[in-house]
Amino acid sequence: MNHNKSIRRIGACGINAIILLSLLSCNTVREISIEVLVPAEVTIPEHIQSVAFVNRSYMPWLALNPKDTLVRPPKDLYILDSIINNKFFLGLFDALNSSPLFDLEDPIAFQFRRSDSSRFPDPISVENLQYITDSLYTDAIISLEGYRVSDSLSVRNQLNDIWLEPEYYLIQYKFDYIVEGTMQWRIYDGLYGIIIDEFNATDTTEWTIYGDSEEAINELPEVVDAYREFAYQRGHDFGMRVSPSWSQVRRFYFISGNKNIRKAAEFAYNGKWEEAAGLWKKESSSTDPEIAAKAAFNLALYSEKKDLLIPAIDWATKSYELIQEKYTKIYLEILAKRKLNKLKLQRQIPLK
């Protein structure tokens, strides 16, 4: 059955970080970007090899409380609810598919909609969880438990301070359209009957338009489009919470120094990192501490590019011991965080 989504586990590591390049002249260093793998906030247990997706949210058009109806008729609520739920899960699926952990093929969300209450539900009982996971042939479920959304429009007009002609002033209009919502997601472990993660989030998306006439309001998105954007982003945000993700981070290496440092910089610029590393290693034992520190720093970057974090830390430490520069200390802190996150990533994506 297509709903049984396999999880792919590979080895990788990384974390997003930025070097403070303002500490150095652009004539002495060259900036590059490297791709690192950022760990997810939530670690899916290794024994879980498949997941299914469930929608348990309340059907708002059945609400008895006027506050739960968005002050709209049932037909409009039905349409908006369909759009919102579709976008919640589309955002979630896109986020998961961008991760090396999940391998989704034509994912779908199974509908277990509620009509009991507009409030966020209690967790699924162990018995019902067992029934759902058995019927869906899965180890775990990611469930949208419920949501509440509302929108509002405010209009302000004011006289502009710019005087145009006698007795004439420019009136400027400001339109603020806001979509605000609260979502609850849970991840259930069907094998052990426990909750892996519960996430409650309240967020807002706002659009602001200025104009010199009331017609400027037409530049705001349509209500349906606004809800689409809001729901997609919220689903994507939750997906990133449970997905290790690739990120581009900024790094730099030294290009100024003696002949070998400059030649190595040319090698690196042309993608010949092995040749560059050979020259840096030679200069790392230079009697000139500045040259040796630069070479050691560059070797730290070279090691990090190869995902060799312990050698990277060793080289950066040597550079700092030679010359105690602030940027080297910052780099050491970044590498230390990456080392910790590598351990977390190995729990999320165990090495084969």
Protein backbone atom coordinates (compact mmCIF):
# COMPACT_ATOMS: atom_id res chain seq x y z
CA MET A 1 0.00 0.00 0.00
CA ASN A 2 1.32 3.44 -0.93
CA HIS A 3 0.58 4.94 2.47
CA ASN A 4 3.37 2.94 4.08
CA LYS A 5 6.25 5.41 3.81
CA SER A 6 9.77 4.05 4.17
CA ILE A 7 12.47 5.96 6.01
CA ARG A 8 15.93 6.13 4.43
CA ARG A 9 18.87 6.41 6.84
CA ILE A 10 22.36 7.48 5.72
CA GLY A 11 25.43 8.94 7.44
CA ALA A 12 26.05 12.69 7.43
CA CYS A 13 26.43 15.62 9.76
CA GLY A 14 26.44 19.39 9.96
CA ILE A 15 25.03 22.58 11.39
CA ASN A 16 24.40 26.04 10.02
CA ALA A 17 26.89 28.72 11.12
CA ILE A 18 28.37 32.01 9.93
CA ILE A 19 31.95 33.23 10.28
CA LEU A 20 32.28 36.91 11.12
CA LEU A 21 34.05 37.91 7.93
CA SER A 22 33.97 41.55 8.95
CA LEU A 23 36.90 40.79 11.23
CA LEU A 24 39.12 40.30 8.19
CA SER A 25 39.96 42.19 5.03
CA CYS A 26 38.56 40.72 1.82
CA ASN A 27 42.08 41.01 0.39
CA THR A 28 43.42 38.42 2.82
CA VAL A 29 40.68 35.79 2.66
CA ARG A 30 38.29 34.24 0.15
CA GLU A 31 34.77 33.33 1.15
CA ILE A 32 33.18 30.04 0.12
CA SER A 33 29.98 28.16 0.91
CA ILE A 34 29.84 24.57 2.03
CA GLU A 35 26.82 22.34 2.52
CA VAL A 36 26.20 20.90 5.95
CA LEU A 37 23.47 18.71 7.36
CA VAL A 38 21.51 20.29 10.21
CA PRO A 39 19.96 17.91 12.77
CA ALA A 40 16.23 17.92 13.38
CA GLU A 41 14.79 19.13 16.66
CA VAL A 42 12.99 15.80 17.06
CA THR A 43 14.75 12.45 16.81
CA ILE A 44 12.67 9.61 15.35
CA PRO A 45 13.62 6.36 17.16
CA GLU A 46 15.64 3.99 15.04
CA HIS A 47 13.16 1.14 15.44
CA ILE A 48 10.59 3.11 13.44
CA GLN A 49 11.00 2.23 9.79
CA SER A 50 7.72 3.55 8.36
CA VAL A 51 5.23 6.32 9.06
CA ALA A 52 1.71 7.20 7.97
CA PHE A 53 0.01 10.58 8.05
CA VAL A 54 -3.30 11.21 9.77
CA ASN A 55 -5.63 14.20 9.92
CA ARG A 56 -7.59 14.28 13.21
CA SER A 57 -8.52 17.94 13.05
CA TYR A 58 -12.01 19.10 13.94
CA MET A 59 -14.42 19.95 11.12
CA PRO A 60 -15.11 23.65 11.70
CA TRP A 61 -18.37 23.81 9.72
CA LEU A 62 -19.91 21.65 12.47
CA ALA A 63 -18.94 24.12 15.18
CA LEU A 64 -21.56 25.20 17.67
CA ASN A 65 -19.48 28.03 19.06
CA PRO A 66 -19.63 31.16 16.83
CA LYS A 67 -16.00 31.89 17.67
CA ASP A 68 -15.02 28.68 15.90
CA THR A 69 -16.71 29.49 12.61
CA LEU A 70 -14.53 32.39 11.40
CA VAL A 71 -17.88 34.20 11.09
CA ARG A 72 -18.48 32.46 7.77
CA PRO A 73 -21.29 30.22 6.52
CA PRO A 74 -20.77 26.43 6.57
CA LYS A 75 -20.22 26.20 2.79
CA ASP A 76 -17.35 28.70 2.90
CA LEU A 77 -15.92 26.98 5.95
CA TYR A 78 -15.96 23.64 4.14
CA ILE A 79 -14.00 25.11 1.22
CA LEU A 80 -11.48 26.89 3.43
CA ASP A 81 -11.03 23.83 5.62
CA SER A 82 -10.28 21.66 2.59
CA ILE A 83 -7.72 24.17 1.31
CA ILE A 84 -6.08 24.64 4.70
CA ASN A 85 -5.72 20.92 5.40
CA ASN A 86 -4.40 20.17 1.93
CA LYS A 87 -1.75 22.87 2.31
CA PHE A 88 -0.81 21.78 5.84
CA PHE A 89 0.10 18.36 4.53
CA LEU A 90 1.61 19.55 1.25
CA GLY A 91 4.00 21.76 3.21
CA LEU A 92 4.77 18.86 5.54
CA PHE A 93 5.42 16.44 2.66
CA ASP A 94 7.66 18.90 0.82
CA ALA A 95 9.75 19.46 3.95
CA LEU A 96 10.12 15.74 4.59
CA ASN A 97 11.00 15.00 0.98
CA SER A 98 13.85 17.52 1.15
CA SER A 99 15.38 15.50 3.98
CA PRO A 100 17.75 12.51 3.69
CA LEU A 101 15.72 10.75 6.41
CA PHE A 102 12.39 10.33 4.64
CA ASP A 103 11.62 8.75 1.29
CA LEU A 104 8.01 9.55 0.43
CA GLU A 105 6.31 8.33 -2.73
CA ASP A 106 2.86 9.79 -3.39
CA PRO A 107 2.14 10.41 0.31
CA ILE A 108 -1.45 10.85 1.45
CA ALA A 109 -3.09 11.93 4.69
CA PHE A 110 -5.67 9.52 6.06
CA GLN A 111 -8.77 11.29 7.31
CA PHE A 112 -9.87 10.64 10.87
CA ARG A 113 -11.75 13.92 11.19
CA ARG A 114 -13.55 14.72 14.42
CA SER A 115 -16.98 16.23 15.02
CA ASP A 116 -16.93 16.06 18.82
CA SER A 117 -15.43 19.43 19.74
CA SER A 118 -13.49 22.36 18.36
CA ARG A 119 -10.87 21.95 21.06
CA PHE A 120 -7.60 20.15 20.53
CA PRO A 121 -8.13 16.49 21.35
CA ASP A 122 -6.65 14.25 23.99
CA PRO A 123 -3.95 11.89 22.70
CA ILE A 124 -5.04 8.76 20.90
CA SER A 125 -5.54 5.90 23.34
CA VAL A 126 -3.15 2.98 23.19
CA GLU A 127 -5.92 0.72 21.91
CA ASN A 128 -6.97 3.08 19.13
CA LEU A 129 -3.36 3.79 18.23
CA GLN A 130 -2.72 0.07 17.85
CA TYR A 131 -5.81 -0.24 15.65
CA ILE A 132 -4.75 2.67 13.42
CA THR A 133 -1.14 1.59 12.98
CA ASP A 134 -2.17 -2.01 12.33
CA SER A 135 -4.76 -0.99 9.77
CA LEU A 136 -2.30 1.32 8.00
CA TYR A 137 0.58 -1.19 8.20
CA THR A 138 2.91 1.36 9.76
CA ASP A 139 5.16 1.77 12.78
CA ALA A 140 4.20 5.33 13.61
CA ILE A 141 1.85 8.12 12.63
CA ILE A 142 2.33 11.85 12.23
CA SER A 143 -0.99 13.45 13.08
CA LEU A 144 -2.47 16.89 12.65
CA GLU A 145 -4.52 16.92 15.84
CA GLY A 146 -6.29 20.21 15.31
CA TYR A 147 -6.06 23.81 14.23
CA ARG A 148 -7.74 27.15 14.65
CA VAL A 149 -7.30 30.00 12.19
CA SER A 150 -8.73 33.46 11.77
CA ASP A 151 -8.13 36.46 9.58
CA SER A 152 -8.55 40.19 10.04
CA LEU A 153 -8.26 43.36 7.98
CA SER A 154 -7.46 46.81 9.33
CA VAL A 155 -7.52 50.05 7.37
CA ARG A 156 -5.88 53.28 8.44
CA ASN A 157 -5.64 56.57 6.66
CA GLN A 158 -3.63 59.61 7.58
CA LEU A 159 -2.62 62.97 6.20
CA ASN A 160 0.84 62.93 4.76
CA ASP A 161 3.26 65.55 6.08
CA ILE A 162 4.11 66.61 2.51
CA TRP A 163 2.28 69.82 1.59
CA LEU A 164 1.27 69.81 -2.05
CA GLU A 165 -0.83 72.91 -2.74
CA PRO A 166 -2.82 75.30 -0.59
CA GLU A 167 -5.60 73.36 1.15
CA TYR A 168 -4.52 70.05 -0.43
CA TYR A 169 -2.84 67.23 1.43
CA LEU A 170 -1.94 63.69 0.39
CA ILE A 171 -3.99 61.03 2.17
CA GLN A 172 -2.17 57.71 2.50
CA TYR A 173 -3.97 54.47 3.23
CA LYS A 174 -2.47 51.52 5.06
CA PHE A 175 -4.07 48.08 4.78
CA ASP A 176 -3.02 45.25 7.12
CA TYR A 177 -4.36 41.78 6.42
CA ILE A 178 -3.49 39.12 8.99
CA VAL A 179 -4.00 35.37 9.11
CA GLU A 180 -3.35 33.90 12.55
CA GLY A 181 -3.63 30.31 13.66
CA THR A 182 -2.78 27.69 16.24
CA MET A 183 -1.85 24.16 15.20
CA GLN A 184 -1.23 20.98 17.15
CA TRP A 185 0.79 18.06 15.80
CA ARG A 186 1.67 14.77 17.47
CA ILE A 187 3.95 11.93 16.45
CA TYR A 188 2.87 8.55 17.83
CA ASP A 189 5.03 5.46 18.22
CA GLY A 190 2.70 2.61 17.37
CA LEU A 191 5.13 -0.08 18.47
CA TYR A 192 5.40 1.20 22.05
CA GLY A 193 2.13 3.11 22.25
CA ILE A 194 3.74 6.41 23.24
CA ILE A 195 3.94 9.99 22.00
CA ILE A 196 7.30 10.81 20.46
CA ASP A 197 6.59 14.50 20.06
CA GLU A 198 3.80 17.00 20.69
CA PHE A 199 4.08 20.39 19.05
CA ASN A 200 1.73 23.32 19.61
CA ALA A 201 2.43 26.46 17.61
CA THR A 202 0.73 29.80 17.17
CA ASP A 203 1.88 31.84 14.21
CA THR A 204 0.91 34.82 12.10
CA THR A 205 1.32 35.81 8.47
CA GLU A 206 0.78 39.47 7.67
CA TRP A 207 0.47 41.45 4.47
CA THR A 208 0.77 45.27 4.46
CA ILE A 209 -0.08 47.54 1.55
CA TYR A 210 0.23 51.34 1.29
CA GLY A 211 -1.59 53.44 -1.25
CA ASP A 212 -3.01 56.86 -1.96
CA SER A 213 -6.52 55.50 -2.57
CA GLU A 214 -8.77 52.79 -1.21
CA GLU A 215 -8.19 50.82 -4.40
CA ALA A 216 -4.82 49.77 -3.01
CA ILE A 217 -6.68 47.11 -1.05
CA ASN A 218 -6.88 45.13 -4.30
CA GLU A 219 -3.13 44.47 -4.04
CA LEU A 220 -3.70 42.28 -1.00
CA PRO A 221 -3.93 38.53 -1.65
CA GLU A 222 -7.31 36.90 -2.01
CA VAL A 223 -8.56 35.28 1.18
CA VAL A 224 -8.15 31.78 -0.24
CA ASP A 225 -4.61 32.49 -1.42
CA ALA A 226 -3.69 33.95 1.97
CA TYR A 227 -4.91 30.83 3.75
CA ARG A 228 -3.04 28.65 1.28
CA GLU A 229 0.23 30.44 1.97
CA PHE A 230 -0.27 30.42 5.72
CA ALA A 231 -1.14 26.73 5.94
CA TYR A 232 1.62 25.58 3.59
CA GLN A 233 4.29 27.41 5.57
CA ARG A 234 3.02 26.05 8.89
CA GLY A 235 3.07 22.49 7.58
CA HIS A 236 6.55 23.03 6.15
CA ASP A 237 7.75 24.44 9.48
CA PHE A 238 6.63 21.33 11.32
CA GLY A 239 8.21 19.09 8.70
CA MET A 240 11.55 20.83 9.23
CA ARG A 241 11.19 20.18 12.96
CA VAL A 242 11.43 16.42 12.39
CA SER A 243 13.73 16.42 9.35
CA PRO A 244 17.50 16.76 9.18
CA SER A 245 18.06 19.28 6.41
CA TRP A 246 20.87 20.50 4.19
CA SER A 247 21.99 24.08 4.58
CA GLN A 248 24.57 26.32 2.94
CA VAL A 249 26.99 27.95 5.41
CA ARG A 250 29.72 30.54 4.92
CA ARG A 251 33.39 29.80 5.47
CA PHE A 252 36.68 31.40 4.39
CA TYR A 253 40.32 30.54 3.86
CA PHE A 254 43.44 32.68 3.70
CA ILE A 255 44.79 33.68 0.31
CA SER A 256 47.57 36.09 1.38
CA GLY A 257 50.95 35.11 2.72
CA ASN A 258 54.08 33.61 1.24
CA LYS A 259 54.39 32.00 -2.18
CA ASN A 260 53.01 28.61 -1.10
CA ILE A 261 49.98 30.14 0.63
CA ARG A 262 49.15 32.13 -2.49
CA LYS A 263 49.69 29.14 -4.77
CA ALA A 264 47.53 26.95 -2.53
CA ALA A 265 44.81 29.59 -2.73
CA GLU A 266 44.86 29.28 -6.52
CA PHE A 267 44.55 25.51 -6.24
CA ALA A 268 41.59 25.83 -3.88
CA TYR A 269 39.92 28.41 -6.13
CA ASN A 270 40.15 25.94 -9.04
CA GLY A 271 38.76 23.08 -6.96
CA LYS A 272 42.12 21.35 -6.46
CA TRP A 273 41.78 21.02 -2.70
CA GLU A 274 44.14 18.06 -2.34
CA GLU A 275 46.98 20.03 -3.94
CA ALA A 276 46.15 23.04 -1.79
CA ALA A 277 46.16 20.92 1.37
CA GLY A 278 49.60 19.56 0.49
CA LEU A 279 51.06 23.07 0.44
CA TRP A 280 49.20 24.11 3.60
CA LYS A 281 50.58 21.09 5.46
CA LYS A 282 54.07 22.06 4.38
CA GLU A 283 53.60 25.63 5.64
CA SER A 284 51.89 24.57 8.90
CA SER A 285 55.36 23.91 10.32
CA SER A 286 56.76 27.24 9.12
CA THR A 287 59.00 29.17 11.52
CA ASP A 288 56.85 32.21 10.78
CA PRO A 289 53.92 31.90 13.23
CA GLU A 290 51.60 33.98 11.05
CA ILE A 291 52.17 31.75 8.03
CA ALA A 292 51.84 28.58 10.11
CA ALA A 293 48.62 29.86 11.73
CA LYS A 294 47.07 30.66 8.34
CA ALA A 295 48.06 27.28 6.95
CA ALA A 296 46.64 25.47 9.99
CA PHE A 297 43.40 27.47 9.75
CA ASN A 298 43.03 26.57 6.09
CA LEU A 299 43.65 22.91 6.89
CA ALA A 300 40.85 23.10 9.46
CA LEU A 301 38.49 24.23 6.70
CA TYR A 302 39.82 21.54 4.37
CA SER A 303 39.10 18.91 7.04
CA GLU A 304 35.63 20.28 7.72
CA LYS A 305 34.81 20.13 4.01
CA LYS A 306 35.61 16.42 4.18
CA ASP A 307 33.43 16.09 7.30
CA LEU A 308 36.49 15.25 9.43
CA LEU A 309 35.58 17.33 12.44
CA ILE A 310 38.16 16.08 14.94
CA PRO A 311 41.10 16.87 12.60
CA ALA A 312 39.39 20.19 11.83
CA ILE A 313 39.29 21.03 15.53
CA ASP A 314 42.92 19.95 15.93
CA TRP A 315 44.08 22.20 13.09
CA ALA A 316 42.00 25.16 14.29
CA THR A 317 43.38 24.67 17.80
CA LYS A 318 46.92 24.72 16.46
CA SER A 319 46.16 27.93 14.56
CA TYR A 320 44.77 29.54 17.72
CA GLU A 321 47.75 28.44 19.78
CA LEU A 322 50.08 30.10 17.29
CA ILE A 323 48.13 33.37 17.08
CA GLN A 324 45.08 33.99 19.26
CA GLU A 325 42.75 35.59 16.77
CA LYS A 326 39.07 36.18 17.53
CA TYR A 327 37.91 34.64 14.25
CA THR A 328 39.78 31.42 15.04
CA LYS A 329 38.11 31.22 18.43
CA ILE A 330 34.72 31.69 16.76
CA TYR A 331 35.56 28.95 14.27
CA LEU A 332 36.52 26.60 17.10
CA GLU A 333 33.14 27.24 18.72
CA ILE A 334 31.39 26.47 15.44
CA LEU A 335 33.32 23.24 15.01
CA ALA A 336 32.57 22.20 18.59
CA LYS A 337 28.84 22.67 17.94
CA ARG A 338 29.10 20.70 14.74
CA LYS A 339 30.80 17.87 16.62
CA LEU A 340 27.93 17.71 19.12
CA ASN A 341 25.39 17.83 16.34
CA LYS A 342 27.16 15.03 14.52
CA LEU A 343 26.39 12.78 17.48
CA LYS A 344 22.74 13.86 17.31
CA LEU A 345 22.63 13.25 13.58
CA GLN A 346 24.07 9.77 14.01
CA ARG A 347 21.09 8.97 16.24
CA GLN A 348 18.71 10.42 13.67
CA ILE A 349 20.43 8.94 10.62
CA PRO A 350 22.52 6.02 11.92
CA LEU A 351 25.58 5.05 9.95
CA LYS A 352 25.18 1.85 7.99
